[in-house]
C-alpha cells in the first residue's frame, strides 16, 4: 500500500519560523501522519549546521546567521533559491539515511538533465549536486524519531554573491552556480521547478512502501 505524501508551496517564508514549524511537525506527528514536502524560498540568511565551525563564516555582513540542528556546515538561503523540506518517516518506509540522501541527489540530477539539459553529478565525499565541480544544490538533514526534517536547496535564479562570504558547506573556494546561469540566462520560474521536484521526489519515495 502506498504511503501518502502531501505537497505544500509556502512561498517566501521566514527561516526561523519555518525551522520551528518543522520541529513541531516532527515532534507531534503520529505513526499514520502523511509525509510532507514543503517548497519555499527564504529571505537572505546563513544557516549553520549542528557541528558547523565558525571559521567557515567569513564575512556575513548584514545577512543574519542562524544556528540549526541539521547536519553539515554553513550555507546560504535567499530569494530565487528553491528550498524543499522533506518531512518523511524513514522508519515507516524502511529507508536509511544514506538511501534518502542518494534519492534526493539522483532526483535533482535527473530533473536537471530531463527538463533543462543540465548534466550534473553527485560527489560521494561531499553531499550535494554539482555541475562541473560547481555546487548547484545543497543537502542537510536531521533525523528525529526515525523521521527527517530540513532537506535541500537548489539555486534557481538567485544572487550568488553571498556564497563568497562563507566557505560553502565548509569547503574553501568552492564554486557555486545556479540553474539560470547554467541555462545561459533563460528565465526560470522557481515555483514551477518546485512543483516538478516535489512530484519527482514523491514518485521516488513511493518506491519505498515499508512492505
N, C-alpha and C. Protein backbone atom coordinates (compact mmCIF):
# COMPACT_ATOMS: atom_id res chain seq x y z
N UNK A 1 0.84 -1.19 0.00
CA UNK A 1 0.00 0.00 0.00
C UNK A 1 0.89 1.25 0.00
N UNK A 2 0.56 2.22 -0.85
CA UNK A 2 1.38 3.43 -0.94
C UNK A 2 1.18 4.29 0.30
N UNK A 3 2.21 5.02 0.65
CA UNK A 3 2.18 5.93 1.79
C UNK A 3 2.04 7.35 1.24
N UNK A 4 1.02 8.09 1.66
CA UNK A 4 0.77 9.39 1.04
C UNK A 4 1.86 10.42 1.32
N UNK A 5 2.03 11.34 0.36
CA UNK A 5 2.93 12.47 0.50
C UNK A 5 2.15 13.73 0.14
N UNK A 6 2.10 14.68 1.05
CA UNK A 6 1.41 15.94 0.79
C UNK A 6 2.42 16.99 0.31
N UNK A 7 2.01 17.76 -0.69
CA UNK A 7 2.86 18.82 -1.22
C UNK A 7 2.34 20.17 -0.73
N UNK A 8 3.25 21.03 -0.28
CA UNK A 8 2.87 22.38 0.12
C UNK A 8 3.81 23.38 -0.54
N UNK A 9 3.25 24.43 -1.15
CA UNK A 9 4.01 25.55 -1.67
C UNK A 9 3.82 26.70 -0.69
N UNK A 10 4.86 27.07 0.03
CA UNK A 10 4.73 28.04 1.10
C UNK A 10 5.18 29.45 0.71
N UNK A 11 5.68 29.62 -0.52
CA UNK A 11 6.13 30.94 -0.94
C UNK A 11 7.37 31.37 -0.17
N UNK A 12 7.52 32.68 0.02
CA UNK A 12 8.67 33.18 0.78
C UNK A 12 8.34 33.15 2.26
N UNK A 13 9.18 32.50 3.04
CA UNK A 13 8.87 32.29 4.46
C UNK A 13 10.10 32.52 5.31
N UNK A 14 9.90 33.15 6.45
CA UNK A 14 10.97 33.41 7.40
C UNK A 14 11.63 32.10 7.83
N UNK A 15 12.98 32.10 7.87
CA UNK A 15 13.68 30.85 8.19
C UNK A 15 13.38 30.36 9.60
N UNK A 16 13.50 31.24 10.59
CA UNK A 16 13.32 30.80 11.98
C UNK A 16 11.92 30.24 12.22
N UNK A 17 10.91 30.90 11.66
CA UNK A 17 9.54 30.42 11.83
C UNK A 17 9.35 29.05 11.17
N UNK A 18 9.94 28.88 9.99
CA UNK A 18 9.82 27.60 9.29
C UNK A 18 10.56 26.50 10.04
N UNK A 19 11.72 26.83 10.56
CA UNK A 19 12.51 25.88 11.35
C UNK A 19 11.70 25.40 12.55
N UNK A 20 11.06 26.32 13.25
CA UNK A 20 10.22 25.95 14.39
C UNK A 20 9.06 25.07 13.95
N UNK A 21 8.43 25.41 12.82
CA UNK A 21 7.29 24.63 12.32
C UNK A 21 7.71 23.21 11.96
N UNK A 22 8.89 23.05 11.37
CA UNK A 22 9.38 21.71 11.03
C UNK A 22 9.57 20.85 12.27
N UNK A 23 10.16 21.45 13.28
CA UNK A 23 10.42 20.70 14.51
C UNK A 23 9.11 20.31 15.19
N UNK A 24 8.16 21.23 15.23
CA UNK A 24 6.86 20.92 15.84
C UNK A 24 6.15 19.82 15.07
N UNK A 25 6.17 19.90 13.74
CA UNK A 25 5.54 18.87 12.92
C UNK A 25 6.15 17.50 13.24
N UNK A 26 7.47 17.45 13.30
CA UNK A 26 8.16 16.18 13.54
C UNK A 26 7.89 15.64 14.94
N UNK A 27 7.89 16.53 15.93
CA UNK A 27 7.67 16.10 17.31
C UNK A 27 6.23 15.62 17.55
N UNK A 28 5.29 16.18 16.80
CA UNK A 28 3.88 15.88 17.04
C UNK A 28 3.29 14.86 16.08
N UNK A 29 4.06 14.41 15.10
CA UNK A 29 3.47 13.50 14.13
C UNK A 29 3.24 12.12 14.75
N UNK A 30 2.25 11.42 14.20
CA UNK A 30 1.88 10.08 14.66
C UNK A 30 2.32 9.04 13.63
N UNK A 31 2.10 7.79 13.94
CA UNK A 31 2.54 6.73 13.04
C UNK A 31 1.84 6.76 11.69
N UNK A 32 0.65 7.36 11.63
CA UNK A 32 -0.09 7.42 10.36
C UNK A 32 -0.12 8.84 9.76
N UNK A 33 0.69 9.75 10.29
CA UNK A 33 0.74 11.10 9.74
C UNK A 33 1.36 11.06 8.35
N UNK A 34 0.68 11.62 7.34
CA UNK A 34 1.27 11.62 5.99
C UNK A 34 2.59 12.40 5.96
N UNK A 35 3.50 11.94 5.13
CA UNK A 35 4.73 12.69 4.90
C UNK A 35 4.39 13.97 4.14
N UNK A 36 5.26 14.99 4.27
CA UNK A 36 5.02 16.25 3.59
C UNK A 36 6.31 16.76 2.96
N UNK A 37 6.16 17.43 1.82
CA UNK A 37 7.25 18.14 1.15
C UNK A 37 6.87 19.61 1.10
N UNK A 38 7.68 20.47 1.70
CA UNK A 38 7.40 21.90 1.72
C UNK A 38 8.34 22.60 0.75
N UNK A 39 7.79 23.29 -0.25
CA UNK A 39 8.59 24.06 -1.19
C UNK A 39 8.46 25.54 -0.85
N UNK A 40 9.58 26.24 -0.75
CA UNK A 40 9.57 27.63 -0.35
C UNK A 40 10.89 28.29 -0.71
N UNK A 41 10.98 29.59 -0.46
CA UNK A 41 12.24 30.31 -0.50
C UNK A 41 12.32 31.16 0.76
N UNK A 42 13.54 31.51 1.15
CA UNK A 42 13.73 32.29 2.37
C UNK A 42 14.29 33.68 2.03
N UNK A 43 13.97 34.69 2.84
CA UNK A 43 14.77 35.91 2.80
C UNK A 43 16.23 35.57 3.12
N UNK A 44 17.15 36.40 2.72
CA UNK A 44 18.58 36.09 2.86
C UNK A 44 18.95 35.71 4.29
N UNK A 45 19.62 34.56 4.41
CA UNK A 45 20.03 34.06 5.72
C UNK A 45 21.15 33.04 5.53
N UNK A 46 22.11 33.03 6.44
CA UNK A 46 23.09 31.96 6.52
C UNK A 46 22.63 31.01 7.62
N UNK A 47 22.68 29.70 7.34
CA UNK A 47 22.34 28.73 8.37
C UNK A 47 23.54 27.84 8.64
N UNK A 48 23.79 27.63 9.91
CA UNK A 48 24.95 26.86 10.35
C UNK A 48 24.49 25.49 10.84
N UNK A 49 25.18 24.44 10.38
CA UNK A 49 24.85 23.09 10.80
C UNK A 49 25.21 22.83 12.26
N UNK A 50 24.73 21.72 12.77
CA UNK A 50 24.90 21.40 14.19
C UNK A 50 26.36 21.37 14.62
N UNK A 51 27.21 20.81 13.77
CA UNK A 51 28.63 20.74 14.09
C UNK A 51 29.42 21.76 13.28
N UNK A 52 28.75 22.81 12.81
CA UNK A 52 29.38 23.82 11.97
C UNK A 52 30.50 24.57 12.69
N UNK A 53 31.53 24.93 11.95
CA UNK A 53 32.67 25.63 12.50
C UNK A 53 32.59 27.12 12.15
N UNK A 54 32.80 27.95 13.16
CA UNK A 54 32.66 29.40 12.99
C UNK A 54 33.60 29.95 11.93
N UNK A 55 34.76 29.31 11.74
CA UNK A 55 35.74 29.86 10.79
C UNK A 55 35.26 29.78 9.33
N UNK A 56 34.20 29.01 9.09
CA UNK A 56 33.67 28.94 7.72
C UNK A 56 32.74 30.10 7.40
N UNK A 57 32.41 30.92 8.39
CA UNK A 57 31.62 32.13 8.17
C UNK A 57 32.62 33.28 8.08
N UNK A 58 32.90 33.75 6.87
CA UNK A 58 33.99 34.68 6.65
C UNK A 58 33.60 36.13 6.90
N UNK A 59 32.53 36.58 6.27
CA UNK A 59 32.13 37.99 6.38
C UNK A 59 30.63 38.09 6.11
N UNK A 60 29.80 37.73 7.08
CA UNK A 60 28.36 37.69 6.84
C UNK A 60 27.74 39.05 6.55
N UNK A 61 28.37 40.12 7.02
CA UNK A 61 27.82 41.45 6.77
C UNK A 61 26.44 41.61 7.37
N UNK A 62 25.49 42.07 6.55
CA UNK A 62 24.15 42.35 7.05
C UNK A 62 23.21 41.15 6.97
N UNK A 63 23.74 39.99 6.58
CA UNK A 63 22.91 38.79 6.48
C UNK A 63 22.98 38.02 7.81
N UNK A 64 21.83 37.74 8.43
CA UNK A 64 21.86 37.05 9.73
C UNK A 64 22.36 35.61 9.61
N UNK A 65 22.93 35.14 10.70
CA UNK A 65 23.40 33.75 10.81
C UNK A 65 22.53 33.05 11.85
N UNK A 66 21.95 31.91 11.48
CA UNK A 66 21.07 31.16 12.37
C UNK A 66 21.66 29.78 12.61
N UNK A 67 21.82 29.42 13.87
CA UNK A 67 22.28 28.09 14.24
C UNK A 67 21.13 27.10 14.13
N UNK A 68 21.38 25.94 13.54
CA UNK A 68 20.33 24.93 13.37
C UNK A 68 20.82 23.59 13.89
N UNK A 69 19.94 22.59 13.83
CA UNK A 69 20.31 21.24 14.26
C UNK A 69 20.44 20.26 13.09
N UNK A 70 20.54 20.78 11.87
CA UNK A 70 20.74 19.88 10.73
C UNK A 70 22.21 19.47 10.64
N UNK A 71 22.48 18.50 9.78
CA UNK A 71 23.85 18.13 9.50
C UNK A 71 24.52 19.13 8.59
N UNK A 72 25.83 19.01 8.43
CA UNK A 72 26.56 19.85 7.50
C UNK A 72 27.06 21.14 8.13
N UNK A 73 27.72 21.95 7.29
CA UNK A 73 28.30 23.21 7.73
C UNK A 73 27.41 24.37 7.29
N UNK A 74 27.99 25.53 7.10
CA UNK A 74 27.22 26.72 6.80
C UNK A 74 26.79 26.76 5.32
N UNK A 75 25.59 27.27 5.08
CA UNK A 75 25.13 27.51 3.71
C UNK A 75 24.31 28.79 3.69
N UNK A 76 23.97 29.19 2.48
CA UNK A 76 23.18 30.42 2.29
C UNK A 76 21.84 30.07 1.69
N UNK A 77 20.78 30.76 2.15
CA UNK A 77 19.46 30.71 1.54
C UNK A 77 19.04 32.13 1.20
N UNK A 78 18.35 32.28 0.08
CA UNK A 78 17.89 33.61 -0.29
C UNK A 78 16.88 33.56 -1.41
N UNK A 79 16.30 34.70 -1.76
CA UNK A 79 15.32 34.77 -2.84
C UNK A 79 15.87 34.19 -4.14
N UNK A 80 15.02 33.45 -4.84
CA UNK A 80 15.43 32.82 -6.08
C UNK A 80 16.06 31.45 -5.90
N UNK A 81 16.21 31.03 -4.66
CA UNK A 81 16.72 29.68 -4.37
C UNK A 81 15.54 28.83 -3.88
N UNK A 82 15.33 27.70 -4.53
CA UNK A 82 14.27 26.78 -4.13
C UNK A 82 14.73 25.93 -2.96
N UNK A 83 13.93 25.92 -1.91
CA UNK A 83 14.18 25.06 -0.75
C UNK A 83 13.04 24.06 -0.65
N UNK A 84 13.36 22.79 -0.50
CA UNK A 84 12.34 21.78 -0.24
C UNK A 84 12.71 21.05 1.04
N UNK A 85 11.81 21.13 2.02
CA UNK A 85 11.99 20.41 3.26
C UNK A 85 11.24 19.09 3.19
N UNK A 86 11.94 18.02 3.56
CA UNK A 86 11.39 16.66 3.49
C UNK A 86 11.02 16.20 4.89
N UNK A 87 9.74 16.12 5.16
CA UNK A 87 9.22 15.65 6.45
C UNK A 87 8.73 14.22 6.22
N UNK A 88 9.67 13.31 6.33
CA UNK A 88 9.46 11.93 5.88
C UNK A 88 9.74 10.95 7.01
N UNK A 89 8.84 9.99 7.19
CA UNK A 89 9.01 8.94 8.18
C UNK A 89 9.85 7.82 7.56
N UNK A 90 11.15 7.86 7.81
CA UNK A 90 12.06 6.87 7.22
C UNK A 90 11.79 5.48 7.78
N UNK A 91 11.49 5.42 9.06
CA UNK A 91 11.24 4.11 9.67
C UNK A 91 10.07 3.41 9.00
N UNK A 92 8.99 4.16 8.75
CA UNK A 92 7.80 3.58 8.11
C UNK A 92 8.10 3.11 6.69
N UNK A 93 8.93 3.86 5.98
CA UNK A 93 9.26 3.49 4.60
C UNK A 93 10.43 2.50 4.53
N UNK A 94 11.04 2.20 5.68
CA UNK A 94 12.21 1.33 5.72
C UNK A 94 13.34 1.89 4.84
N UNK A 95 13.58 3.18 5.01
CA UNK A 95 14.62 3.90 4.28
C UNK A 95 15.74 4.29 5.23
N UNK A 96 16.98 4.09 4.81
CA UNK A 96 18.11 4.54 5.59
C UNK A 96 18.49 5.96 5.23
N UNK A 97 19.29 6.60 6.08
CA UNK A 97 19.68 7.99 5.83
C UNK A 97 20.50 8.10 4.55
N UNK A 98 21.46 7.21 4.36
CA UNK A 98 22.27 7.26 3.14
C UNK A 98 21.38 7.05 1.91
N UNK A 99 20.39 6.18 2.03
CA UNK A 99 19.48 5.94 0.91
C UNK A 99 18.69 7.20 0.54
N UNK A 100 18.22 7.93 1.54
CA UNK A 100 17.41 9.11 1.24
C UNK A 100 18.28 10.23 0.69
N UNK A 101 19.53 10.34 1.13
CA UNK A 101 20.45 11.32 0.56
C UNK A 101 20.67 11.02 -0.92
N UNK A 102 20.94 9.77 -1.24
CA UNK A 102 21.13 9.37 -2.64
C UNK A 102 19.86 9.59 -3.45
N UNK A 103 18.71 9.29 -2.86
CA UNK A 103 17.42 9.51 -3.54
C UNK A 103 17.26 10.99 -3.91
N UNK A 104 17.57 11.88 -2.97
CA UNK A 104 17.44 13.32 -3.23
C UNK A 104 18.40 13.74 -4.34
N UNK A 105 19.66 13.34 -4.22
CA UNK A 105 20.65 13.72 -5.22
C UNK A 105 20.26 13.22 -6.61
N UNK A 106 19.88 11.95 -6.71
CA UNK A 106 19.52 11.37 -8.01
C UNK A 106 18.30 12.07 -8.61
N UNK A 107 17.34 12.42 -7.76
CA UNK A 107 16.13 13.09 -8.25
C UNK A 107 16.47 14.46 -8.84
N UNK A 108 17.32 15.21 -8.15
CA UNK A 108 17.74 16.52 -8.67
C UNK A 108 18.51 16.35 -9.98
N UNK A 109 19.44 15.42 -10.00
CA UNK A 109 20.25 15.18 -11.20
C UNK A 109 19.36 14.83 -12.40
N UNK A 110 18.40 13.95 -12.18
CA UNK A 110 17.51 13.55 -13.28
C UNK A 110 16.64 14.71 -13.74
N UNK A 111 16.14 15.52 -12.81
CA UNK A 111 15.31 16.66 -13.18
C UNK A 111 16.11 17.67 -14.00
N UNK A 112 17.33 17.97 -13.57
CA UNK A 112 18.15 18.94 -14.30
C UNK A 112 18.45 18.45 -15.72
N UNK A 113 18.70 17.15 -15.86
CA UNK A 113 19.00 16.61 -17.18
C UNK A 113 17.77 16.55 -18.07
N UNK A 114 16.67 16.03 -17.53
CA UNK A 114 15.48 15.78 -18.34
C UNK A 114 14.76 17.07 -18.72
N UNK A 115 14.68 18.02 -17.81
CA UNK A 115 13.90 19.23 -18.05
C UNK A 115 14.71 20.40 -18.57
N UNK A 116 16.03 20.42 -18.26
CA UNK A 116 16.82 21.60 -18.61
C UNK A 116 18.08 21.28 -19.39
N UNK A 117 18.37 20.01 -19.62
CA UNK A 117 19.57 19.63 -20.37
C UNK A 117 20.86 19.94 -19.64
N UNK A 118 20.80 20.06 -18.31
CA UNK A 118 21.98 20.35 -17.50
C UNK A 118 22.51 19.04 -16.92
N UNK A 119 23.76 18.72 -17.22
CA UNK A 119 24.37 17.48 -16.75
C UNK A 119 25.04 17.73 -15.41
N UNK A 120 24.52 17.10 -14.38
CA UNK A 120 25.02 17.30 -13.02
C UNK A 120 25.45 15.97 -12.42
N UNK A 121 26.20 16.05 -11.34
CA UNK A 121 26.74 14.85 -10.70
C UNK A 121 26.67 14.99 -9.19
N UNK A 122 26.69 13.84 -8.51
CA UNK A 122 26.85 13.79 -7.06
C UNK A 122 28.32 13.54 -6.75
N UNK A 123 28.71 13.82 -5.52
CA UNK A 123 30.07 13.56 -5.05
C UNK A 123 29.96 12.75 -3.78
N UNK A 124 30.41 11.49 -3.78
CA UNK A 124 30.26 10.65 -2.59
C UNK A 124 30.98 11.20 -1.36
N UNK A 125 31.97 12.09 -1.55
CA UNK A 125 32.71 12.66 -0.42
C UNK A 125 32.04 13.91 0.14
N UNK A 126 31.15 14.52 -0.64
CA UNK A 126 30.54 15.78 -0.23
C UNK A 126 29.11 15.84 -0.73
N UNK A 127 28.12 15.54 0.13
CA UNK A 127 26.73 15.51 -0.31
C UNK A 127 26.32 16.79 -1.02
N UNK A 128 25.50 16.62 -2.04
CA UNK A 128 25.04 17.74 -2.85
C UNK A 128 25.07 17.37 -4.31
N UNK A 129 24.77 18.35 -5.16
CA UNK A 129 24.76 18.14 -6.61
C UNK A 129 25.63 19.22 -7.25
N UNK A 130 26.45 18.81 -8.22
CA UNK A 130 27.46 19.67 -8.82
C UNK A 130 27.36 19.65 -10.33
N UNK A 131 27.71 20.79 -10.95
CA UNK A 131 27.82 20.89 -12.40
C UNK A 131 29.27 21.26 -12.70
N UNK A 132 30.02 20.29 -13.20
CA UNK A 132 31.45 20.51 -13.48
C UNK A 132 32.17 21.07 -12.25
N UNK A 133 31.85 20.54 -11.09
CA UNK A 133 32.51 20.93 -9.86
C UNK A 133 31.92 22.14 -9.15
N UNK A 134 30.96 22.80 -9.81
CA UNK A 134 30.29 23.95 -9.18
C UNK A 134 29.02 23.47 -8.51
N UNK A 135 28.83 23.86 -7.25
CA UNK A 135 27.70 23.34 -6.49
C UNK A 135 26.42 24.07 -6.88
N UNK A 136 25.40 23.30 -7.23
CA UNK A 136 24.11 23.88 -7.60
C UNK A 136 23.02 23.53 -6.59
N UNK A 137 23.23 22.48 -5.80
CA UNK A 137 22.24 22.06 -4.80
C UNK A 137 22.96 21.56 -3.55
N UNK A 138 22.43 21.95 -2.40
CA UNK A 138 23.00 21.53 -1.11
C UNK A 138 21.98 20.69 -0.35
N UNK A 139 22.47 19.80 0.50
CA UNK A 139 21.62 18.93 1.31
C UNK A 139 22.00 19.05 2.78
N UNK A 140 21.00 18.99 3.63
CA UNK A 140 21.25 18.95 5.06
C UNK A 140 20.02 18.40 5.75
N UNK A 141 20.16 17.30 6.46
CA UNK A 141 19.02 16.63 7.08
C UNK A 141 19.24 16.48 8.58
N UNK A 142 18.15 16.32 9.28
CA UNK A 142 18.16 15.89 10.68
C UNK A 142 17.14 14.77 10.81
N UNK A 143 17.46 13.75 11.56
CA UNK A 143 16.53 12.64 11.79
C UNK A 143 16.20 12.61 13.27
N UNK A 144 14.89 12.62 13.56
CA UNK A 144 14.41 12.54 14.94
C UNK A 144 13.25 11.56 14.97
N UNK A 145 13.28 10.62 15.89
CA UNK A 145 12.24 9.59 16.00
C UNK A 145 12.05 8.85 14.67
N UNK A 146 13.12 8.67 13.93
CA UNK A 146 13.05 7.96 12.65
C UNK A 146 12.49 8.78 11.52
N UNK A 147 12.34 10.11 11.73
CA UNK A 147 11.74 10.98 10.72
C UNK A 147 12.70 12.11 10.35
N UNK A 148 12.72 12.48 9.09
CA UNK A 148 13.58 13.57 8.64
C UNK A 148 12.87 14.91 8.70
N UNK A 149 13.67 15.94 8.89
CA UNK A 149 13.27 17.30 8.57
C UNK A 149 14.51 18.03 8.06
N UNK A 150 14.38 19.32 7.71
CA UNK A 150 15.34 20.02 6.86
C UNK A 150 15.26 19.37 5.46
N UNK A 151 16.28 19.55 4.62
CA UNK A 151 16.15 19.00 3.28
C UNK A 151 17.18 19.51 2.30
N UNK A 152 16.72 20.14 1.20
CA UNK A 152 17.60 20.51 0.11
C UNK A 152 17.38 21.95 -0.30
N UNK A 153 18.40 22.53 -0.91
CA UNK A 153 18.25 23.83 -1.57
C UNK A 153 18.84 23.73 -2.96
N UNK A 154 18.14 24.30 -3.93
CA UNK A 154 18.55 24.27 -5.33
C UNK A 154 18.58 25.71 -5.84
N UNK A 155 19.73 26.14 -6.31
CA UNK A 155 19.88 27.51 -6.80
C UNK A 155 19.21 27.63 -8.17
N UNK A 156 18.12 28.39 -8.22
CA UNK A 156 17.38 28.56 -9.48
C UNK A 156 17.83 29.86 -10.16
N UNK A 157 17.49 31.00 -9.59
CA UNK A 157 17.84 32.31 -10.16
C UNK A 157 18.09 33.25 -8.99
N UNK A 158 19.17 33.00 -8.28
CA UNK A 158 19.44 33.74 -7.05
C UNK A 158 20.78 34.47 -7.13
N UNK A 159 20.94 35.44 -6.27
CA UNK A 159 22.20 36.16 -6.14
C UNK A 159 23.24 35.22 -5.53
N UNK A 160 24.33 34.98 -6.24
CA UNK A 160 25.34 34.04 -5.75
C UNK A 160 26.42 34.74 -4.92
N UNK A 161 26.41 36.07 -4.86
CA UNK A 161 27.45 36.80 -4.14
C UNK A 161 27.57 36.39 -2.67
N UNK A 162 26.45 36.17 -1.94
CA UNK A 162 26.59 35.80 -0.53
C UNK A 162 27.40 34.53 -0.28
N UNK A 163 27.46 33.63 -1.27
CA UNK A 163 28.27 32.42 -1.08
C UNK A 163 29.75 32.75 -0.93
N UNK A 164 30.17 33.91 -1.46
CA UNK A 164 31.57 34.32 -1.31
C UNK A 164 31.87 34.79 0.10
N UNK A 165 30.84 35.00 0.93
CA UNK A 165 31.04 35.45 2.30
C UNK A 165 31.26 34.28 3.27
N UNK A 166 31.16 33.06 2.75
CA UNK A 166 31.32 31.85 3.56
C UNK A 166 32.18 30.85 2.79
N UNK A 167 32.59 29.80 3.49
CA UNK A 167 33.11 28.61 2.82
C UNK A 167 31.91 27.68 2.64
N UNK A 168 31.31 27.66 1.45
CA UNK A 168 30.05 26.92 1.28
C UNK A 168 30.17 25.46 1.72
N UNK A 169 29.31 25.08 2.65
CA UNK A 169 29.30 23.71 3.17
C UNK A 169 30.65 23.30 3.74
N UNK A 170 31.45 24.31 4.14
CA UNK A 170 32.73 24.03 4.77
C UNK A 170 33.89 23.85 3.83
N UNK A 171 33.72 24.18 2.54
CA UNK A 171 34.78 23.98 1.55
C UNK A 171 35.29 25.33 1.05
N UNK A 172 36.53 25.62 1.40
CA UNK A 172 37.13 26.89 1.00
C UNK A 172 37.24 26.98 -0.52
N UNK A 173 36.78 28.09 -1.08
CA UNK A 173 36.91 28.32 -2.52
C UNK A 173 35.97 27.52 -3.39
N UNK A 174 34.98 26.86 -2.80
CA UNK A 174 34.04 26.07 -3.59
C UNK A 174 33.22 26.99 -4.50
N UNK A 175 33.23 26.72 -5.78
CA UNK A 175 32.44 27.50 -6.73
C UNK A 175 30.98 27.09 -6.65
N UNK A 176 30.11 28.06 -6.82
CA UNK A 176 28.66 27.83 -6.74
C UNK A 176 28.02 28.34 -8.02
N UNK A 177 26.99 27.66 -8.48
CA UNK A 177 26.30 28.06 -9.70
C UNK A 177 24.79 28.00 -9.47
N UNK A 178 24.05 28.39 -10.50
CA UNK A 178 22.59 28.36 -10.45
C UNK A 178 22.05 27.79 -11.76
N UNK A 179 20.81 27.38 -11.74
CA UNK A 179 20.18 26.84 -12.95
C UNK A 179 20.10 27.92 -14.02
N UNK A 180 19.78 29.14 -13.62
CA UNK A 180 19.68 30.23 -14.58
C UNK A 180 21.04 30.48 -15.24
N UNK A 181 22.09 30.41 -14.48
CA UNK A 181 23.44 30.61 -15.01
C UNK A 181 23.83 29.48 -15.97
N UNK A 182 23.48 28.25 -15.63
CA UNK A 182 23.82 27.11 -16.48
C UNK A 182 22.98 27.07 -17.75
N UNK A 183 21.83 27.71 -17.73
CA UNK A 183 20.95 27.74 -18.90
C UNK A 183 21.08 29.04 -19.68
N UNK A 184 22.22 29.73 -19.52
CA UNK A 184 22.56 30.91 -20.30
C UNK A 184 21.50 32.00 -20.22
N UNK A 185 21.05 32.26 -19.00
CA UNK A 185 20.15 33.37 -18.79
C UNK A 185 18.69 33.12 -19.09
N UNK A 186 18.33 31.89 -19.41
CA UNK A 186 16.92 31.58 -19.67
C UNK A 186 16.09 31.84 -18.41
N UNK A 187 14.96 32.57 -18.52
CA UNK A 187 14.15 32.84 -17.33
C UNK A 187 13.67 31.55 -16.67
N UNK A 188 13.69 31.55 -15.36
CA UNK A 188 13.29 30.38 -14.59
C UNK A 188 12.17 30.75 -13.62
N UNK A 189 11.18 29.90 -13.52
CA UNK A 189 10.11 30.08 -12.54
C UNK A 189 10.35 29.12 -11.39
N UNK A 190 10.68 29.67 -10.24
CA UNK A 190 11.06 28.85 -9.10
C UNK A 190 9.95 27.90 -8.68
N UNK A 191 8.69 28.34 -8.75
CA UNK A 191 7.60 27.50 -8.25
C UNK A 191 7.26 26.38 -9.22
N UNK A 192 7.46 26.63 -10.52
CA UNK A 192 7.28 25.55 -11.49
C UNK A 192 8.31 24.46 -11.25
N UNK A 193 9.56 24.86 -11.03
CA UNK A 193 10.61 23.88 -10.73
C UNK A 193 10.30 23.18 -9.42
N UNK A 194 9.78 23.93 -8.44
CA UNK A 194 9.44 23.33 -7.16
C UNK A 194 8.39 22.25 -7.28
N UNK A 195 7.35 22.52 -8.08
CA UNK A 195 6.30 21.52 -8.27
C UNK A 195 6.85 20.29 -8.98
N UNK A 196 7.71 20.50 -9.96
CA UNK A 196 8.31 19.36 -10.67
C UNK A 196 9.16 18.52 -9.73
N UNK A 197 9.95 19.19 -8.90
CA UNK A 197 10.83 18.45 -8.00
C UNK A 197 10.04 17.74 -6.91
N UNK A 198 9.01 18.38 -6.38
CA UNK A 198 8.14 17.71 -5.41
C UNK A 198 7.54 16.44 -6.03
N UNK A 199 7.05 16.55 -7.25
CA UNK A 199 6.43 15.41 -7.92
C UNK A 199 7.42 14.26 -8.09
N UNK A 200 8.63 14.60 -8.51
CA UNK A 200 9.63 13.55 -8.73
C UNK A 200 10.10 12.93 -7.40
N UNK A 201 10.23 13.75 -6.37
CA UNK A 201 10.60 13.20 -5.06
C UNK A 201 9.52 12.27 -4.54
N UNK A 202 8.26 12.67 -4.70
CA UNK A 202 7.14 11.81 -4.26
C UNK A 202 7.16 10.48 -4.99
N UNK A 203 7.42 10.53 -6.28
CA UNK A 203 7.46 9.30 -7.08
C UNK A 203 8.56 8.38 -6.58
N UNK A 204 9.73 8.94 -6.29
CA UNK A 204 10.84 8.12 -5.81
C UNK A 204 10.55 7.58 -4.40
N UNK A 205 9.98 8.42 -3.54
CA UNK A 205 9.63 7.95 -2.20
C UNK A 205 8.57 6.86 -2.25
N UNK A 206 7.69 6.94 -3.25
CA UNK A 206 6.64 5.94 -3.40
C UNK A 206 7.14 4.54 -3.67
N UNK A 207 8.42 4.44 -4.06
CA UNK A 207 9.02 3.12 -4.27
C UNK A 207 9.31 2.41 -2.95
N UNK A 208 9.24 3.18 -1.86
CA UNK A 208 9.52 2.64 -0.53
C UNK A 208 8.22 2.65 0.27
N UNK A 209 7.51 1.54 0.25
CA UNK A 209 6.20 1.45 0.89
C UNK A 209 6.26 0.87 2.28
N UNK A 210 7.43 0.42 2.69
CA UNK A 210 7.56 -0.17 4.01
C UNK A 210 7.14 -1.63 4.06
N UNK A 211 6.71 -2.16 2.93
CA UNK A 211 6.26 -3.56 2.89
C UNK A 211 7.44 -4.52 3.01
